[in-house]
Amino acid sequence: MVWLRILSRYAPWALCCSVVGAQPLDATKIYKTCAPAVVSIETPTGTGSGFLVHPQYVVTNKHVIQRPSVWEADYYAAWQLKVRTRSGATLQVREVNPFEDYPDIDLAALKVSGFQGTVLPLYPGIAEVGEPVVAIGHPHHMQWSQTQGSISKNDLPHHYQLDVAMDPGSSGGPVLNRWGQVVAVVEGGFPLSATGRFGIRSDVLKQVLDIYGIPYTTAPLLTPTAADFSALQGQLAQERQQLIAERIELERQRAQFQAELQQARSFLAEYAQKRSQLEQKEQELDRRERELEERERALERKAARIAEKLGERFALEFLLGPAYDIWQEQFVLSRASAGLFYRFGFVRDEEGYVVRADQFGIMASRDIVFLRAELSQWNREGIVLGWRYDELALALEFSSLVRLSFGLVLRQFDPQRNLVTIPAEPRYTVGVLLDALPESAFLFGIGATAHVDRRLRPSAVSVGLQVGYALHFLRW
């Protein structure tokens, strides 16, 4: 039968998948195979672990090769590091790469020479929670020690939480799965219990190595043996018998279905006709709905265009700019103004959009200057940042081009007495502003302001640049 041919075709693949899922972790075999690729890294201030991903590259933690003093370079130089293999050989360190583009990932690589042996492959995926693992390192100077545990958590941004015993000296060592692939790099420095350790995931390490062009492998070091396959043959036979039984039951149910289907032929024919009618009606309703939605969108666009052509009736403006007082021969660091205006007399372009307008409103201004004042701390005069006048004025602007203002000086600052005073007799302010950007919400122009008394005698005449922005609101 066809289903038996399909079963026989895919049986070997199913067996391999079963082996992958059921293969136990052989800690002894992993240690014998992988420990020669684990190295000890000695610095002037301590020791750590590392492992070879390529005959010329050792992976470890940043903090293993980091100097403790803030007054020196961040990391030890190559000649200050000693890398030893389990066989007792010393590998010459030629280059130190702390992956400085990734300061938050505690990984580093050492370029070495003189190694001829097994290197550890990287697991390219993310290990499952509960998967058994082993860690090889040098905790408390107990070199090439192996501990066993499992993955506790795998959904952290860069780490696994590991249920594996680790201690100082384990930092930078590999965490290996049943196939001898590195699934994590031990990250020390966490004041947690043995069941709360962390390791940087191998997929994160893989991405960093790719960016820096450091070669590595992913092919497993350990593969299922013939004994493993033989032990699973019985399980496969049981699963095959279960599959045959399920196939027989399926064929029985199919025959029953065919009989019921034959009895319902007439009903199905009527149903098909009714269904066709309903589908046509549904298509007609969908077409009408699309037409209505398009008309609604067109209406919204039209309403938006009409709203845009309505003039915004109010404007809140802010101006700032340096000036020079010609009358008092004094530089004004900044003349700052804020105003609220009612807009009218709109000027529109060919499409009906408002580009300019007349406006009338009220403005408040202050001159910010450098003042000569007595510094009580040193008992002498000095220059301080202060202000001269507070003004309030009515303003009328024509076609967003020319603004005229008339108002009063409300307050003035006396730097000699360090007091805010009200002028003894009224002082009036007259101003003019020429805007070079009449069709823009940004303001840029030249302004002039004069202070006069009742007899129109000036006491201040300032000329300067004015830069600002107008916020328009409320259309009707």
Protein backbone atom coordinates (compact mmCIF):
# COMPACT_ATOMS: atom_id res chain seq x y z
CA MET A 1 0.00 0.00 0.00
CA VAL A 2 1.07 3.61 -0.59
CA TRP A 3 1.21 4.48 3.10
CA LEU A 4 3.54 1.53 3.79
CA ARG A 5 5.92 2.68 1.03
CA ILE A 6 5.95 6.18 2.56
CA LEU A 7 6.62 4.72 6.01
CA SER A 8 9.54 2.64 4.77
CA ARG A 9 10.97 5.61 2.87
CA TYR A 10 11.09 7.91 5.92
CA ALA A 11 11.89 5.35 8.62
CA PRO A 12 15.69 6.03 8.64
CA TRP A 13 15.07 9.76 9.05
CA ALA A 14 12.66 9.08 11.92
CA LEU A 15 15.27 6.89 13.59
CA CYS A 16 17.91 9.65 13.42
CA CYS A 17 15.45 12.13 14.92
CA SER A 18 14.72 9.69 17.73
CA VAL A 19 18.44 9.34 18.42
CA VAL A 20 18.88 13.09 18.54
CA GLY A 21 16.00 13.45 20.98
CA ALA A 22 16.89 10.50 23.21
CA GLN A 23 20.69 10.48 23.15
CA PRO A 24 21.88 10.79 26.79
CA LEU A 25 24.75 13.06 27.75
CA ASP A 26 27.98 11.07 28.16
CA ALA A 27 30.00 13.36 30.45
CA THR A 28 33.11 11.16 30.34
CA LYS A 29 33.17 11.08 26.56
CA ILE A 30 32.61 14.83 26.33
CA TYR A 31 35.46 15.54 28.74
CA LYS A 32 37.94 13.30 26.91
CA THR A 33 37.01 14.85 23.57
CA CYS A 34 36.61 18.53 24.52
CA ALA A 35 38.94 19.20 27.46
CA PRO A 36 42.07 19.45 25.21
CA ALA A 37 40.49 22.52 23.55
CA VAL A 38 39.98 24.30 26.91
CA VAL A 39 42.86 26.58 27.99
CA SER A 40 44.00 28.31 31.14
CA ILE A 41 44.60 32.09 30.85
CA GLU A 42 47.01 33.61 33.37
CA THR A 43 47.32 37.38 33.87
CA PRO A 44 49.48 39.39 36.29
CA THR A 45 46.49 39.56 38.68
CA GLY A 46 44.59 36.30 38.25
CA THR A 47 43.50 33.35 36.15
CA GLY A 48 40.52 32.46 33.99
CA SER A 49 39.33 29.98 31.41
CA GLY A 50 38.96 30.02 27.64
CA PHE A 51 38.58 27.66 24.69
CA LEU A 52 39.69 27.41 21.08
CA VAL A 53 37.12 27.90 18.33
CA HIS A 54 39.90 27.83 15.70
CA PRO A 55 43.57 26.83 15.90
CA GLN A 56 44.42 30.57 16.00
CA TYR A 57 41.63 31.95 18.20
CA VAL A 58 40.75 31.57 21.91
CA VAL A 59 37.41 32.88 23.24
CA THR A 60 37.12 34.10 26.86
CA ASN A 61 35.49 36.89 28.94
CA LYS A 62 36.46 40.56 28.81
CA HIS A 63 36.91 40.72 32.56
CA VAL A 64 39.44 37.85 32.49
CA ILE A 65 41.93 40.03 30.53
CA GLN A 66 40.88 43.37 32.03
CA ARG A 67 43.29 45.43 34.13
CA PRO A 68 42.09 46.23 37.67
CA SER A 69 43.57 49.76 37.72
CA VAL A 70 41.71 52.70 36.18
CA TRP A 71 45.04 54.51 35.64
CA GLU A 72 46.29 51.99 33.07
CA ALA A 73 45.05 50.68 29.72
CA ASP A 74 41.73 48.83 29.93
CA TYR A 75 43.15 45.42 28.95
CA TYR A 76 46.45 43.56 29.35
CA ALA A 77 48.80 43.50 26.39
CA ALA A 78 49.46 40.24 24.53
CA TRP A 79 52.91 39.78 26.11
CA GLN A 80 51.36 39.94 29.62
CA LEU A 81 49.04 36.95 29.01
CA LYS A 82 49.99 33.29 29.35
CA VAL A 83 47.75 30.71 27.63
CA ARG A 84 48.35 27.05 28.53
CA THR A 85 46.72 23.90 27.14
CA ARG A 86 45.87 20.73 29.05
CA SER A 87 48.94 19.05 27.56
CA GLY A 88 51.13 21.68 29.23
CA ALA A 89 52.00 23.57 26.04
CA THR A 90 52.08 27.38 26.13
CA LEU A 91 50.45 29.22 23.23
CA GLN A 92 51.94 32.55 22.20
CA VAL A 93 49.38 35.37 22.30
CA ARG A 94 49.77 37.63 19.27
CA GLU A 95 46.73 39.89 19.55
CA VAL A 96 44.08 40.86 22.13
CA ASN A 97 40.58 41.66 20.82
CA PRO A 98 38.14 42.75 23.58
CA PHE A 99 35.30 43.37 21.05
CA GLU A 100 35.14 47.04 22.10
CA ASP A 101 32.18 47.65 19.76
CA TYR A 102 30.13 45.50 22.19
CA PRO A 103 31.02 46.82 25.69
CA ASP A 104 27.92 45.25 27.29
CA ILE A 105 28.72 41.70 26.09
CA ASP A 106 31.41 40.10 28.25
CA LEU A 107 33.30 38.40 25.39
CA ALA A 108 36.86 38.71 24.08
CA ALA A 109 39.15 36.82 21.71
CA LEU A 110 42.89 36.13 21.76
CA LYS A 111 44.80 35.41 18.58
CA VAL A 112 47.38 32.68 19.32
CA SER A 113 49.86 30.48 17.54
CA GLY A 114 51.26 27.04 18.17
CA PHE A 115 48.06 25.01 18.64
CA GLN A 116 47.49 21.79 16.72
CA GLY A 117 44.51 19.93 18.08
CA THR A 118 40.75 19.74 18.45
CA VAL A 119 38.75 22.98 18.48
CA LEU A 120 35.25 23.32 19.89
CA PRO A 121 32.30 23.86 17.49
CA LEU A 122 29.52 26.34 18.27
CA TYR A 123 25.88 25.33 18.58
CA PRO A 124 24.12 27.56 16.00
CA GLY A 125 20.69 27.59 17.64
CA ILE A 126 19.17 28.15 21.10
CA ALA A 127 19.23 25.25 23.57
CA GLU A 128 16.01 24.04 25.17
CA VAL A 129 15.19 24.51 28.85
CA GLY A 130 16.11 21.31 30.70
CA GLU A 131 18.76 20.26 28.16
CA PRO A 132 21.71 18.62 29.99
CA VAL A 133 25.07 20.40 29.71
CA VAL A 134 28.57 20.30 31.19
CA ALA A 135 31.03 23.13 31.94
CA ILE A 136 34.82 22.78 31.83
CA GLY A 137 37.07 25.35 33.51
CA HIS A 138 39.50 26.09 36.33
CA PRO A 139 37.49 27.02 39.47
CA HIS A 140 39.69 27.95 42.45
CA HIS A 141 42.82 26.91 40.45
CA MET A 142 41.46 23.33 40.15
CA GLN A 143 42.41 23.09 36.52
CA TRP A 144 40.33 21.35 33.87
CA SER A 145 37.45 20.57 36.22
CA GLN A 146 34.09 19.52 34.81
CA THR A 147 30.65 20.12 36.35
CA GLN A 148 27.29 18.94 35.06
CA GLY A 149 23.82 20.50 35.07
CA SER A 150 21.15 21.83 32.71
CA ILE A 151 19.68 24.92 31.05
CA SER A 152 17.31 26.71 33.49
CA LYS A 153 16.13 29.66 31.34
CA ASN A 154 16.67 30.48 27.66
CA ASP A 155 14.64 33.63 26.93
CA LEU A 156 17.07 36.29 28.23
CA PRO A 157 18.45 38.79 25.66
CA HIS A 158 22.02 37.40 25.54
CA HIS A 159 22.29 34.76 28.29
CA TYR A 160 21.15 31.40 29.57
CA GLN A 161 20.48 30.83 33.25
CA LEU A 162 22.39 27.65 34.12
CA ASP A 163 21.87 25.05 36.83
CA VAL A 164 25.60 24.28 36.79
CA ALA A 165 28.08 24.68 39.66
CA MET A 166 30.67 27.40 38.91
CA ASP A 167 33.24 29.31 40.94
CA PRO A 168 35.92 32.02 40.39
CA GLY A 169 38.25 30.76 37.68
CA SER A 170 35.45 29.26 35.59
CA SER A 171 34.90 32.58 33.76
CA GLY A 172 35.36 32.29 29.99
CA GLY A 173 35.07 28.49 29.92
CA PRO A 174 32.72 26.57 27.60
CA VAL A 175 29.31 25.10 28.44
CA LEU A 176 28.85 22.03 26.18
CA ASN A 177 25.87 19.98 25.01
CA ARG A 178 25.74 16.21 24.41
CA TRP A 179 27.35 16.62 20.97
CA GLY A 180 30.40 18.53 22.23
CA GLN A 181 29.12 21.84 20.86
CA VAL A 182 29.52 25.08 22.83
CA VAL A 183 26.06 26.33 23.83
CA ALA A 184 27.29 29.09 26.17
CA VAL A 185 30.36 30.90 27.51
CA VAL A 186 30.55 30.99 31.33
CA GLU A 187 30.21 34.56 32.60
CA GLY A 188 31.51 35.02 36.13
CA GLY A 189 31.21 37.96 38.47
CA PHE A 190 27.62 37.23 39.60
CA PRO A 191 27.20 36.93 43.40
CA LEU A 192 24.61 34.15 43.07
CA SER A 193 24.25 30.55 44.15
CA ALA A 194 25.44 27.61 42.11
CA THR A 195 21.96 27.29 40.59
CA GLY A 196 21.86 30.92 39.51
CA ARG A 197 24.87 31.18 37.18
CA PHE A 198 24.73 32.68 33.71
CA GLY A 199 26.35 31.98 30.37
CA ILE A 200 26.45 34.03 27.16
CA ARG A 201 24.54 32.16 24.43
CA SER A 202 26.50 30.60 21.55
CA ASP A 203 24.30 32.27 18.94
CA VAL A 204 25.35 35.67 20.38
CA LEU A 205 29.02 34.60 20.28
CA LYS A 206 28.54 33.40 16.70
CA GLN A 207 27.17 36.78 15.61
CA VAL A 208 30.09 38.67 17.22
CA LEU A 209 32.67 36.36 15.61
CA ASP A 210 31.00 36.84 12.21
CA ILE A 211 31.20 40.62 12.56
CA TYR A 212 34.92 40.48 13.43
CA GLY A 213 35.70 37.87 10.74
CA ILE A 214 36.90 35.22 13.22
CA PRO A 215 36.47 31.67 11.83
CA TYR A 216 34.75 28.86 13.72
CA THR A 217 32.98 25.52 13.12
CA THR A 218 29.53 24.17 14.04
CA ALA A 219 29.75 20.46 13.15
CA PRO A 220 29.24 18.26 16.28
CA LEU A 221 32.29 16.47 17.69
CA LEU A 222 30.23 13.53 18.99
CA THR A 223 27.71 11.54 16.91
CA PRO A 224 25.35 8.63 17.71
CA THR A 225 27.03 5.17 17.77
CA ALA A 226 25.80 1.87 16.32
CA ALA A 227 24.86 0.80 19.84
CA ASP A 228 22.63 3.88 20.17
CA PHE A 229 20.83 2.96 16.95
CA SER A 230 20.40 -0.67 18.02
CA ALA A 231 18.91 0.32 21.38
CA LEU A 232 16.21 2.28 19.58
CA GLN A 233 15.21 -0.40 17.05
CA GLY A 234 12.69 -1.90 19.48
CA GLN A 235 11.14 1.49 20.13
CA LEU A 236 10.89 2.09 16.38
CA ALA A 237 9.17 -1.28 15.86
CA GLN A 238 6.58 -0.42 18.54
CA GLU A 239 5.93 2.94 16.95
CA ARG A 240 5.54 1.27 13.54
CA GLN A 241 2.93 -1.18 14.94
CA GLN A 242 1.08 1.75 16.47
CA LEU A 243 1.15 3.51 13.13
CA ILE A 244 -0.23 0.43 11.33
CA ALA A 245 -3.09 0.16 13.82
CA GLU A 246 -3.91 3.84 13.37
CA ARG A 247 -3.83 3.40 9.55
CA ILE A 248 -6.32 0.47 9.75
CA GLU A 249 -8.66 2.52 11.91
CA LEU A 250 -8.33 5.43 9.48
CA GLU A 251 -9.29 3.22 6.51
CA ARG A 252 -12.35 1.94 8.39
CA GLN A 253 -13.47 5.47 9.16
CA ARG A 254 -12.85 6.51 5.54
CA ALA A 255 -15.12 3.69 4.27
CA GLN A 256 -17.83 4.78 6.69
CA PHE A 257 -17.45 8.34 5.50
CA GLN A 258 -17.80 7.31 1.84
CA ALA A 259 -21.06 5.51 2.64
CA GLU A 260 -22.46 8.54 4.43
CA LEU A 261 -21.27 10.79 1.63
CA GLN A 262 -23.08 8.68 -0.97
CA GLN A 263 -26.32 9.02 0.97
CA ALA A 264 -25.92 12.80 1.11
CA ARG A 265 -25.17 13.39 -2.62
CA SER A 266 -28.48 15.02 -3.34
CA PHE A 267 -28.21 17.22 -0.28
CA LEU A 268 -24.66 18.23 -1.23
CA ALA A 269 -25.77 19.16 -4.76
CA GLU A 270 -28.46 21.44 -3.35
CA TYR A 271 -25.99 22.80 -0.85
CA ALA A 272 -23.47 23.55 -3.63
CA GLN A 273 -26.09 25.51 -5.56
CA LYS A 274 -27.14 27.46 -2.48
CA ARG A 275 -23.51 28.08 -1.60
CA SER A 276 -22.82 29.47 -5.06
CA GLN A 277 -25.73 31.87 -4.71
CA LEU A 278 -24.58 32.97 -1.28
CA GLU A 279 -20.99 33.47 -2.51
CA GLN A 280 -22.25 35.67 -5.35
CA LYS A 281 -24.28 37.71 -2.88
CA GLU A 282 -21.28 37.97 -0.56
CA GLN A 283 -19.11 39.21 -3.44
CA GLU A 284 -21.74 41.84 -4.29
CA LEU A 285 -21.84 42.98 -0.65
CA ASP A 286 -18.02 43.13 -0.53
CA ARG A 287 -17.98 45.22 -3.72
CA ARG A 288 -20.52 47.66 -2.30
CA GLU A 289 -18.58 47.85 0.98
CA ARG A 290 -15.36 48.69 -0.89
CA GLU A 291 -17.19 51.39 -2.84
CA LEU A 292 -18.57 52.89 0.37
CA GLU A 293 -15.14 52.79 2.05
CA GLU A 294 -13.57 54.54 -0.95
CA ARG A 295 -16.30 57.21 -0.90
CA GLU A 296 -15.75 57.66 2.85
CA ARG A 297 -12.01 58.09 2.33
CA ALA A 298 -12.64 60.58 -0.51
CA LEU A 299 -15.02 62.50 1.75
CA GLU A 300 -12.41 62.58 4.54
CA ARG A 301 -9.75 63.84 2.11
CA LYS A 302 -12.12 66.51 0.87
CA ALA A 303 -12.93 67.57 4.45
CA ALA A 304 -9.19 67.70 5.24
CA ARG A 305 -8.52 69.92 2.21
CA ILE A 306 -11.37 72.25 3.19
CA ALA A 307 -10.09 72.40 6.78
CA GLU A 308 -6.57 73.23 5.57
CA LYS A 309 -7.96 76.13 3.54
CA LEU A 310 -9.66 77.57 6.59
CA GLY A 311 -7.41 80.13 8.21
CA GLU A 312 -6.10 79.45 11.69
CA ARG A 313 -7.41 82.37 13.73
CA PHE A 314 -4.85 82.58 16.51
CA ALA A 315 -1.06 82.60 16.65
CA LEU A 316 1.31 82.15 19.59
CA GLU A 317 4.71 83.63 18.72
CA PHE A 318 8.16 83.54 20.31
CA LEU A 319 10.99 85.84 19.20
CA LEU A 320 14.63 86.02 20.24
CA GLY A 321 17.60 87.93 18.87
CA PRO A 322 20.57 90.20 19.61
CA ALA A 323 20.32 93.97 19.28
CA TYR A 324 22.31 97.16 19.77
CA ASP A 325 21.05 100.19 21.72
CA ILE A 326 22.19 103.11 19.59
CA TRP A 327 21.05 105.72 22.11
CA GLN A 328 22.82 104.20 25.14
CA GLU A 329 25.62 102.64 23.08
CA GLN A 330 25.03 99.28 24.73
CA PHE A 331 24.93 95.75 23.29
CA VAL A 332 21.70 93.85 24.08
CA LEU A 333 22.54 90.16 24.35
CA SER A 334 19.00 89.12 23.46
CA ARG A 335 15.64 90.76 23.10
CA ALA A 336 13.08 88.07 23.99
CA SER A 337 9.39 88.44 23.16
CA ALA A 338 6.23 86.35 23.35
CA GLY A 339 2.89 87.31 21.86
CA LEU A 340 -0.68 86.15 21.31
CA PHE A 341 -2.38 87.36 18.10
CA TYR A 342 -5.76 87.22 16.39
CA ARG A 343 -5.38 86.68 12.63
CA PHE A 344 -7.63 88.14 9.91
CA GLY A 345 -7.41 89.49 6.37
CA PHE A 346 -6.10 86.19 4.97
CA VAL A 347 -4.14 86.14 1.70
CA ARG A 348 -4.51 82.85 -0.22
CA ASP A 349 -2.61 81.21 -3.07
CA GLU A 350 -4.08 79.92 -6.34
CA GLU A 351 -5.33 76.73 -4.65
CA GLY A 352 -7.03 78.60 -1.83
CA TYR A 353 -4.50 77.89 0.95
CA VAL A 354 -3.67 80.67 3.41
CA VAL A 355 -0.12 81.96 2.91
CA ARG A 356 -0.24 85.33 4.74
CA ALA A 357 -2.54 87.27 7.05
CA ASP A 358 -3.00 90.45 9.04
CA GLN A 359 -2.95 90.04 12.79
CA PHE A 360 -3.52 92.03 15.98
CA GLY A 361 -2.43 91.09 19.45
CA ILE A 362 -0.45 91.71 22.59
CA MET A 363 3.29 91.19 23.14
CA ALA A 364 5.50 90.98 26.24
CA SER A 365 9.25 91.67 25.86
CA ARG A 366 12.40 91.74 27.97
CA ASP A 367 15.93 92.96 27.18
CA ILE A 368 18.68 90.61 28.43
CA VAL A 369 22.04 92.41 28.81
CA PHE A 370 25.40 92.35 30.54
CA LEU A 371 25.28 94.74 33.54
CA ARG A 372 28.02 96.36 35.59
CA ALA A 373 27.22 95.69 39.25
CA GLU A 374 28.95 95.58 42.60
CA LEU A 375 30.17 92.11 43.59
CA SER A 376 29.72 92.05 47.36
CA GLN A 377 31.86 88.93 47.75
CA TRP A 378 34.97 90.71 46.44
CA ASN A 379 33.86 94.31 47.26
CA ARG A 380 34.40 95.49 43.70
CA GLU A 381 32.48 96.01 40.48
CA GLY A 382 31.99 93.26 37.88
CA ILE A 383 29.99 92.22 34.82
CA VAL A 384 26.91 90.07 35.41
CA LEU A 385 24.09 88.77 33.20
CA GLY A 386 20.82 90.57 33.84
CA TRP A 387 17.92 92.43 32.25
CA ARG A 388 16.93 96.06 31.63
CA TYR A 389 13.25 96.43 30.82
CA ASP A 390 9.96 94.53 30.85
CA GLU A 391 7.56 95.84 28.19
CA LEU A 392 3.93 95.21 27.25
CA ALA A 393 2.69 96.37 23.85
CA LEU A 394 -0.17 96.12 21.39
CA ALA A 395 0.93 95.02 17.91
CA LEU A 396 -0.63 95.21 14.47
CA GLU A 397 0.87 93.25 11.58
CA PHE A 398 0.12 93.76 7.90
CA SER A 399 0.17 90.78 5.52
CA SER A 400 2.78 88.97 7.66
CA LEU A 401 5.37 91.48 6.43
CA VAL A 402 5.42 94.57 8.65
CA ARG A 403 4.55 94.71 12.34
CA LEU A 404 4.01 97.92 14.30
CA SER A 405 3.76 97.94 18.10
CA PHE A 406 3.00 100.51 20.79
CA GLY A 407 3.14 99.93 24.53
CA LEU A 408 4.54 100.74 27.96
CA VAL A 409 7.68 99.97 29.94
CA LEU A 410 6.23 98.14 32.95
CA ARG A 411 9.39 97.53 35.00
CA GLN A 412 13.10 98.22 34.89
CA PHE A 413 16.07 96.81 36.77
CA ASP A 414 18.47 99.05 38.72
CA PRO A 415 21.82 97.17 38.88
CA GLN A 416 23.36 99.71 41.29
CA ARG A 417 20.70 99.09 43.94
CA ASN A 418 19.88 95.57 42.73
CA LEU A 419 16.19 96.49 42.67
CA VAL A 420 13.26 96.11 40.28
CA THR A 421 11.51 99.48 39.93
CA ILE A 422 8.56 101.02 38.10
CA PRO A 423 9.46 104.10 36.01
CA ALA A 424 8.73 107.34 37.89
CA GLU A 425 6.94 108.71 34.86
CA PRO A 426 5.40 106.80 31.97
CA ARG A 427 7.77 105.58 29.29
CA TYR A 428 6.34 104.40 26.02
CA THR A 429 7.73 101.83 23.63
CA VAL A 430 7.37 101.98 19.85
CA GLY A 431 8.57 99.16 17.61
CA VAL A 432 8.66 97.94 14.04
CA LEU A 433 9.52 94.47 12.68
CA LEU A 434 10.18 93.51 9.05
CA ASP A 435 9.74 89.75 8.42
CA ALA A 436 11.82 88.25 5.57
CA LEU A 437 9.81 84.98 5.64
CA PRO A 438 6.17 86.11 5.43
CA GLU A 439 4.84 82.77 4.13
CA SER A 440 6.55 80.60 6.75
CA ALA A 441 5.79 79.78 10.36
CA PHE A 442 9.42 80.67 11.09
CA LEU A 443 10.16 84.36 11.70
CA PHE A 444 13.38 86.02 10.59
CA GLY A 445 13.77 89.75 10.21
CA ILE A 446 15.04 93.07 11.46
CA GLY A 447 13.42 94.88 14.36
CA ALA A 448 13.75 98.32 15.88
CA THR A 449 12.42 99.51 19.25
CA ALA A 450 12.46 102.96 20.87
CA HIS A 451 11.58 104.16 24.39
CA VAL A 452 10.17 107.72 24.67
CA ASP A 453 8.57 109.87 27.35
CA ARG A 454 5.50 112.02 27.11
CA ARG A 455 7.45 114.65 25.18
CA LEU A 456 8.65 111.99 22.72
CA ARG A 457 12.20 112.28 24.02
CA PRO A 458 14.02 108.95 23.45
CA SER A 459 15.82 107.14 26.23
CA ALA A 460 16.67 103.93 24.30
CA VAL A 461 16.78 103.03 20.61
CA SER A 462 17.60 99.38 19.75
CA VAL A 463 18.08 97.75 16.36
CA GLY A 464 18.73 94.04 15.84
CA LEU A 465 17.88 90.68 14.34
CA GLN A 466 14.75 88.78 15.39
CA VAL A 467 14.35 85.00 14.98
CA GLY A 468 11.33 83.05 16.12
CA TYR A 469 8.45 80.70 15.45
CA ALA A 470 4.66 81.16 15.24
CA LEU A 471 2.31 78.39 16.35
CA HIS A 472 -1.05 78.78 14.58
CA PHE A 473 -4.23 77.20 15.96
CA LEU A 474 -8.06 77.25 16.00
CA ARG A 475 -9.58 77.16 12.51
CA TRP A 476 -13.09 78.25 11.66
